């Protein structure tokens, strides 16, 4: 089992920045690829970014490329998502997830956090 706890969400104005964190516990953190997903009201949960266990490989949704940066600190068992130049359409609950391989599908991730709300005001 892997337990994941997100933090860092909040209310920010358009154009602002937020840094989300995801603290992991349980099994060896570096053995897992990690991903961020968002779930906006009335929509399905969708992929944002992912990173390999070593941190050497990353992937992003086209909608966040150049704005968001995913990173991890395996010594601290923590995943991050730096979000810059935020837009109101990024308002959603953000979830971190752990899986065995880097990917963009929800099905590739076995463990999920409880989510953290990000609200971007216009």
C-alpha atoms as a PDB file:
ATOM      1  CA  UNK A   1       0.000   0.000   0.000  1.00  0.00           C
ATOM      2  CA  UNK A   2       1.043   3.555  -0.712  1.00  0.00           C
ATOM      3  CA  UNK A   3      -0.579   6.435   1.120  1.00  0.00           C
ATOM      4  CA  UNK A   4      -0.652   9.812  -0.605  1.00  0.00           C
ATOM      5  CA  UNK A   5      -1.549  13.181   0.874  1.00  0.00           C
ATOM      6  CA  UNK A   6      -1.768  16.307  -1.258  1.00  0.00           C
ATOM      7  CA  UNK A   7      -1.339  19.839  -0.012  1.00  0.00           C
ATOM      8  CA  UNK A   8      -0.729  23.322  -1.346  1.00  0.00           C
ATOM      9  CA  UNK A   9      -4.034  24.044  -3.016  1.00  0.00           C
ATOM     10  CA  UNK A  10      -5.918  27.253  -2.497  1.00  0.00           C
ATOM     11  CA  UNK A  11      -7.337  30.368  -4.097  1.00  0.00           C
ATOM     12  CA  UNK A  12      -5.145  32.310  -6.501  1.00  0.00           C
ATOM     13  CA  UNK A  13      -5.748  35.039  -9.036  1.00  0.00           C
ATOM     14  CA  UNK A  14      -5.336  34.415 -12.737  1.00  0.00           C
ATOM     15  CA  UNK A  15      -1.690  34.724 -13.691  1.00  0.00           C
ATOM     16  CA  UNK A  16      -0.531  33.607 -10.280  1.00  0.00           C
ATOM     17  CA  UNK A  17       1.322  30.507  -9.171  1.00  0.00           C
ATOM     18  CA  UNK A  18       0.845  27.610  -6.805  1.00  0.00           C
ATOM     19  CA  UNK A  19       3.011  24.692  -5.799  1.00  0.00           C
ATOM     20  CA  UNK A  20       1.268  21.466  -4.938  1.00  0.00           C
ATOM     21  CA  UNK A  21       2.932  18.778  -2.870  1.00  0.00           C
ATOM     22  CA  UNK A  22       2.129  15.117  -2.436  1.00  0.00           C
ATOM     23  CA  UNK A  23       3.632  13.312   0.522  1.00  0.00           C
ATOM     24  CA  UNK A  24       3.956   9.560   0.123  1.00  0.00           C
ATOM     25  CA  UNK A  25       4.326   6.846   2.725  1.00  0.00           C
ATOM     26  CA  UNK A  26       4.235   3.097   2.737  1.00  0.00           C
ATOM     27  CA  UNK A  27       6.296   1.364   0.107  1.00  0.00           C
ATOM     28  CA  UNK A  28       9.489   2.582  -1.565  1.00  0.00           C
ATOM     29  CA  UNK A  29       8.584   5.858  -3.214  1.00  0.00           C
ATOM     30  CA  UNK A  30      11.217   5.682  -5.950  1.00  0.00           C
ATOM     31  CA  UNK A  31       9.744   2.396  -7.207  1.00  0.00           C
ATOM     32  CA  UNK A  32       6.659   4.237  -8.416  1.00  0.00           C
ATOM     33  CA  UNK A  33       5.917   6.509 -11.296  1.00  0.00           C
ATOM     34  CA  UNK A  34       3.831   9.412 -10.097  1.00  0.00           C
ATOM     35  CA  UNK A  35       1.158  11.460 -11.767  1.00  0.00           C
ATOM     36  CA  UNK A  36      -1.018  14.498 -11.251  1.00  0.00           C
ATOM     37  CA  UNK A  37      -4.608  14.572 -12.429  1.00  0.00           C
ATOM     38  CA  UNK A  38      -7.296  17.198 -12.186  1.00  0.00           C
ATOM     39  CA  UNK A  39     -11.039  16.858 -11.803  1.00  0.00           C
ATOM     40  CA  UNK A  40     -13.080  19.893 -12.736  1.00  0.00           C
ATOM     41  CA  UNK A  41     -16.799  20.175 -11.921  1.00  0.00           C
ATOM     42  CA  UNK A  42     -18.950  18.394 -14.457  1.00  0.00           C
ATOM     43  CA  UNK A  43     -15.989  16.830 -16.231  1.00  0.00           C
ATOM     44  CA  UNK A  44     -14.043  13.624 -16.057  1.00  0.00           C
ATOM     45  CA  UNK A  45     -10.756  13.345 -14.219  1.00  0.00           C
ATOM     46  CA  UNK A  46      -7.953  14.129 -16.628  1.00  0.00           C
ATOM     47  CA  UNK A  47      -4.212  13.765 -16.857  1.00  0.00           C
ATOM     48  CA  UNK A  48      -1.959  16.707 -16.048  1.00  0.00           C
ATOM     49  CA  UNK A  49       1.608  15.425 -15.715  1.00  0.00           C
ATOM     50  CA  UNK A  50       3.635  12.360 -14.805  1.00  0.00           C
ATOM     51  CA  UNK A  51       7.166  11.540 -13.762  1.00  0.00           C
ATOM     52  CA  UNK A  52       9.167   8.334 -13.663  1.00  0.00           C
ATOM     53  CA  UNK A  53      10.474   6.791 -10.471  1.00  0.00           C
ATOM     54  CA  UNK A  54      13.943   8.183 -11.036  1.00  0.00           C
ATOM     55  CA  UNK A  55      12.624  11.577 -12.054  1.00  0.00           C
ATOM     56  CA  UNK A  56      14.464  11.417 -15.357  1.00  0.00           C
ATOM     57  CA  UNK A  57      11.389  11.147 -17.540  1.00  0.00           C
ATOM     58  CA  UNK A  58       8.343  13.390 -17.517  1.00  0.00           C
ATOM     59  CA  UNK A  59       5.171  13.799 -19.524  1.00  0.00           C
ATOM     60  CA  UNK A  60       2.634  16.607 -19.707  1.00  0.00           C
ATOM     61  CA  UNK A  61      -0.811  17.235 -21.059  1.00  0.00           C
ATOM     62  CA  UNK A  62      -0.678  19.685 -23.962  1.00  0.00           C
ATOM     63  CA  UNK A  63      -2.839  22.122 -22.020  1.00  0.00           C
ATOM     64  CA  UNK A  64      -0.206  22.613 -19.308  1.00  0.00           C
ATOM     65  CA  UNK A  65       3.061  22.398 -21.220  1.00  0.00           C
ATOM     66  CA  UNK A  66       5.213  25.413 -20.495  1.00  0.00           C
ATOM     67  CA  UNK A  67       3.076  26.353 -17.470  1.00  0.00           C
ATOM     68  CA  UNK A  68       3.350  23.386 -15.096  1.00  0.00           C
ATOM     69  CA  UNK A  69       6.427  21.496 -13.923  1.00  0.00           C
ATOM     70  CA  UNK A  70       6.333  18.135 -12.212  1.00  0.00           C
ATOM     71  CA  UNK A  71       9.223  17.073  -9.990  1.00  0.00           C
ATOM     72  CA  UNK A  72       9.971  14.721  -7.135  1.00  0.00           C
ATOM     73  CA  UNK A  73      12.343  14.402  -4.216  1.00  0.00           C
ATOM     74  CA  UNK A  74      12.818  10.714  -3.514  1.00  0.00           C
ATOM     75  CA  UNK A  75      14.800  11.437  -0.354  1.00  0.00           C
ATOM     76  CA  UNK A  76      11.743  13.249   1.027  1.00  0.00           C
ATOM     77  CA  UNK A  77       9.140  10.917  -0.509  1.00  0.00           C
ATOM     78  CA  UNK A  78       7.457  13.934  -2.017  1.00  0.00           C
ATOM     79  CA  UNK A  79       6.019  14.804  -5.399  1.00  0.00           C
ATOM     80  CA  UNK A  80       5.523  18.379  -6.571  1.00  0.00           C
ATOM     81  CA  UNK A  81       3.598  20.283  -9.194  1.00  0.00           C
ATOM     82  CA  UNK A  82       4.676  23.855  -9.834  1.00  0.00           C
ATOM     83  CA  UNK A  83       1.864  25.694 -11.555  1.00  0.00           C
ATOM     84  CA  UNK A  84       2.569  29.068 -13.147  1.00  0.00           C
ATOM     85  CA  UNK A  85       0.503  31.503 -15.194  1.00  0.00           C
ATOM     86  CA  UNK A  86      -2.680  29.967 -13.883  1.00  0.00           C
ATOM     87  CA  UNK A  87      -5.957  30.424 -15.699  1.00  0.00           C
ATOM     88  CA  UNK A  88      -9.522  30.052 -14.376  1.00  0.00           C
ATOM     89  CA  UNK A  89      -9.960  26.904 -16.445  1.00  0.00           C
ATOM     90  CA  UNK A  90      -7.408  25.193 -14.225  1.00  0.00           C
ATOM     91  CA  UNK A  91      -9.847  25.364 -11.322  1.00  0.00           C
ATOM     92  CA  UNK A  92     -10.287  21.788 -10.142  1.00  0.00           C
ATOM     93  CA  UNK A  93      -9.460  19.266  -7.488  1.00  0.00           C
ATOM     94  CA  UNK A  94      -5.931  18.019  -8.092  1.00  0.00           C
ATOM     95  CA  UNK A  95      -4.984  14.444  -7.258  1.00  0.00           C
ATOM     96  CA  UNK A  96      -1.635  12.742  -7.105  1.00  0.00           C
ATOM     97  CA  UNK A  97      -1.362   9.080  -7.966  1.00  0.00           C
ATOM     98  CA  UNK A  98       1.233   6.323  -7.875  1.00  0.00           C
ATOM     99  CA  UNK A  99       1.658   3.564 -10.422  1.00  0.00           C
ATOM    100  CA  UNK A 100       4.152   1.118 -11.851  1.00  0.00           C
ATOM    101  CA  UNK A 101       4.735   2.907 -15.136  1.00  0.00           C
ATOM    102  CA  UNK A 102       4.691   6.459 -16.406  1.00  0.00           C
ATOM    103  CA  UNK A 103       1.501   7.117 -18.312  1.00  0.00           C
ATOM    104  CA  UNK A 104      -1.472   9.377 -18.868  1.00  0.00           C
ATOM    105  CA  UNK A 105      -4.266   6.901 -18.228  1.00  0.00           C
ATOM    106  CA  UNK A 106      -6.030   6.724 -14.867  1.00  0.00           C
ATOM    107  CA  UNK A 107      -5.908   2.943 -15.198  1.00  0.00           C
ATOM    108  CA  UNK A 108      -2.125   2.945 -14.901  1.00  0.00           C
ATOM    109  CA  UNK A 109      -2.233   4.266 -11.345  1.00  0.00           C
ATOM    110  CA  UNK A 110      -3.084   2.113  -8.362  1.00  0.00           C
ATOM    111  CA  UNK A 111      -2.953   4.560  -5.479  1.00  0.00           C
ATOM    112  CA  UNK A 112      -4.590   7.948  -5.159  1.00  0.00           C
ATOM    113  CA  UNK A 113      -4.582  10.812  -2.726  1.00  0.00           C
ATOM    114  CA  UNK A 114      -7.677  12.574  -1.465  1.00  0.00           C
ATOM    115  CA  UNK A 115      -7.138  15.656  -3.610  1.00  0.00           C
ATOM    116  CA  UNK A 116      -6.530  19.324  -3.019  1.00  0.00           C
ATOM    117  CA  UNK A 117      -8.719  22.133  -4.348  1.00  0.00           C
ATOM    118  CA  UNK A 118      -7.234  24.753  -6.635  1.00  0.00           C
ATOM    119  CA  UNK A 119      -9.391  27.744  -7.478  1.00  0.00           C
ATOM    120  CA  UNK A 120      -8.207  30.350  -9.957  1.00  0.00           C
ATOM    121  CA  UNK A 121     -10.195  33.568  -9.960  1.00  0.00           C
ATOM    122  CA  UNK A 122     -10.453  35.832 -12.992  1.00  0.00           C
END
